[in-house]
Amino acid sequence: MSFLLFLRGLIIVLLVFAISTYLLTASLWSTFVQTLICGILVQIGYFVAIMLLVRRSVTKESVIPK
């Protein structure tokens, strides 16, 4: 997945999350904090996914004889 696709998806997810959170809580502060936490969790997930992809490609390269 390219970074631009990830960024576009992240922005859309955060906007939908922020709107739904605001409609449920009617609090701007709570919406901001919860959206910030959601964004951090998505970033951590993306980082872990990239690290797993890199690790998988490195282990495949070390197994293949040259």
C-alpha atoms as a PDB file:
ATOM      1  CA  MET A   1       0.000   0.000   0.000  1.00  0.00           C
ATOM      2  CA  SER A   2       1.410   3.359  -0.958  1.00  0.00           C
ATOM      3  CA  PHE A   3       1.638   6.196   1.515  1.00  0.00           C
ATOM      4  CA  LEU A   4      -0.840   8.369  -0.398  1.00  0.00           C
ATOM      5  CA  LEU A   5      -3.495   5.649  -0.271  1.00  0.00           C
ATOM      6  CA  PHE A   6      -2.841   5.211   3.427  1.00  0.00           C
ATOM      7  CA  LEU A   7      -3.020   8.964   4.048  1.00  0.00           C
ATOM      8  CA  ARG A   8      -6.275   9.333   2.142  1.00  0.00           C
ATOM      9  CA  GLY A   9      -7.797   6.391   4.012  1.00  0.00           C
ATOM     10  CA  LEU A  10      -6.541   7.720   7.349  1.00  0.00           C
ATOM     11  CA  ILE A  11      -8.084  11.133   6.763  1.00  0.00           C
ATOM     12  CA  ILE A  12     -11.417   9.623   5.722  1.00  0.00           C
ATOM     13  CA  VAL A  13     -11.484   7.271   8.716  1.00  0.00           C
ATOM     14  CA  LEU A  14     -10.602  10.061  11.132  1.00  0.00           C
ATOM     15  CA  LEU A  15     -13.245  12.392   9.676  1.00  0.00           C
ATOM     16  CA  VAL A  16     -15.958   9.743   9.931  1.00  0.00           C
ATOM     17  CA  PHE A  17     -14.811   8.858  13.441  1.00  0.00           C
ATOM     18  CA  ALA A  18     -14.749  12.516  14.514  1.00  0.00           C
ATOM     19  CA  ILE A  19     -18.202  13.236  13.107  1.00  0.00           C
ATOM     20  CA  SER A  20     -19.749  10.162  14.683  1.00  0.00           C
ATOM     21  CA  THR A  21     -18.029  10.832  18.015  1.00  0.00           C
ATOM     22  CA  TYR A  22     -19.250  14.426  18.039  1.00  0.00           C
ATOM     23  CA  LEU A  23     -22.792  13.330  17.235  1.00  0.00           C
ATOM     24  CA  LEU A  24     -22.694  10.820  20.086  1.00  0.00           C
ATOM     25  CA  THR A  25     -21.002  12.978  22.728  1.00  0.00           C
ATOM     26  CA  ALA A  26     -21.772  16.574  21.640  1.00  0.00           C
ATOM     27  CA  SER A  27     -18.415  17.553  23.134  1.00  0.00           C
ATOM     28  CA  LEU A  28     -15.646  19.080  21.045  1.00  0.00           C
ATOM     29  CA  TRP A  29     -12.966  18.287  23.635  1.00  0.00           C
ATOM     30  CA  SER A  30     -13.979  14.626  23.912  1.00  0.00           C
ATOM     31  CA  THR A  31     -14.181  14.358  20.129  1.00  0.00           C
ATOM     32  CA  PHE A  32     -10.694  15.833  19.745  1.00  0.00           C
ATOM     33  CA  VAL A  33      -9.118  13.540  22.350  1.00  0.00           C
ATOM     34  CA  GLN A  34     -10.803  10.393  21.053  1.00  0.00           C
ATOM     35  CA  THR A  35      -9.946  11.214  17.436  1.00  0.00           C
ATOM     36  CA  LEU A  36      -6.336  11.842  18.417  1.00  0.00           C
ATOM     37  CA  ILE A  37      -6.198   8.467  20.161  1.00  0.00           C
ATOM     38  CA  CYS A  38      -7.771   6.794  17.117  1.00  0.00           C
ATOM     39  CA  GLY A  39      -5.201   8.406  14.819  1.00  0.00           C
ATOM     40  CA  ILE A  40      -2.330   7.244  17.016  1.00  0.00           C
ATOM     41  CA  LEU A  41      -3.684   3.689  17.091  1.00  0.00           C
ATOM     42  CA  VAL A  42      -4.040   3.627  13.300  1.00  0.00           C
ATOM     43  CA  GLN A  43      -0.463   4.903  12.933  1.00  0.00           C
ATOM     44  CA  ILE A  44       0.815   2.190  15.275  1.00  0.00           C
ATOM     45  CA  GLY A  45      -1.069  -0.431  13.267  1.00  0.00           C
ATOM     46  CA  TYR A  46       0.378   0.874  10.001  1.00  0.00           C
ATOM     47  CA  PHE A  47       3.895   0.862  11.473  1.00  0.00           C
ATOM     48  CA  VAL A  48       3.520  -2.724  12.720  1.00  0.00           C
ATOM     49  CA  ALA A  49       2.171  -3.841   9.335  1.00  0.00           C
ATOM     50  CA  ILE A  50       5.121  -2.279   7.505  1.00  0.00           C
ATOM     51  CA  MET A  51       7.589  -3.841   9.939  1.00  0.00           C
ATOM     52  CA  LEU A  52       6.023  -7.265   9.393  1.00  0.00           C
ATOM     53  CA  LEU A  53       6.213  -6.837   5.613  1.00  0.00           C
ATOM     54  CA  VAL A  54       9.887  -5.862   5.837  1.00  0.00           C
ATOM     55  CA  ARG A  55      10.651  -8.760   8.151  1.00  0.00           C
ATOM     56  CA  ARG A  56       8.860 -11.204   5.847  1.00  0.00           C
ATOM     57  CA  SER A  57      10.792  -9.962   2.804  1.00  0.00           C
ATOM     58  CA  VAL A  58      14.115 -10.209   4.659  1.00  0.00           C
ATOM     59  CA  THR A  59      13.438 -13.786   5.785  1.00  0.00           C
ATOM     60  CA  LYS A  60      12.445 -14.784   2.226  1.00  0.00           C
ATOM     61  CA  GLU A  61      15.670 -13.311   0.866  1.00  0.00           C
ATOM     62  CA  SER A  62      17.783 -15.165   3.421  1.00  0.00           C
ATOM     63  CA  VAL A  63      16.109 -18.506   2.610  1.00  0.00           C
ATOM     64  CA  ILE A  64      16.515 -18.260  -1.167  1.00  0.00           C
ATOM     65  CA  PRO A  65      19.962 -19.547  -2.205  1.00  0.00           C
ATOM     66  CA  LYS A  66      21.927 -17.416  -4.631  1.00  0.00           C
END
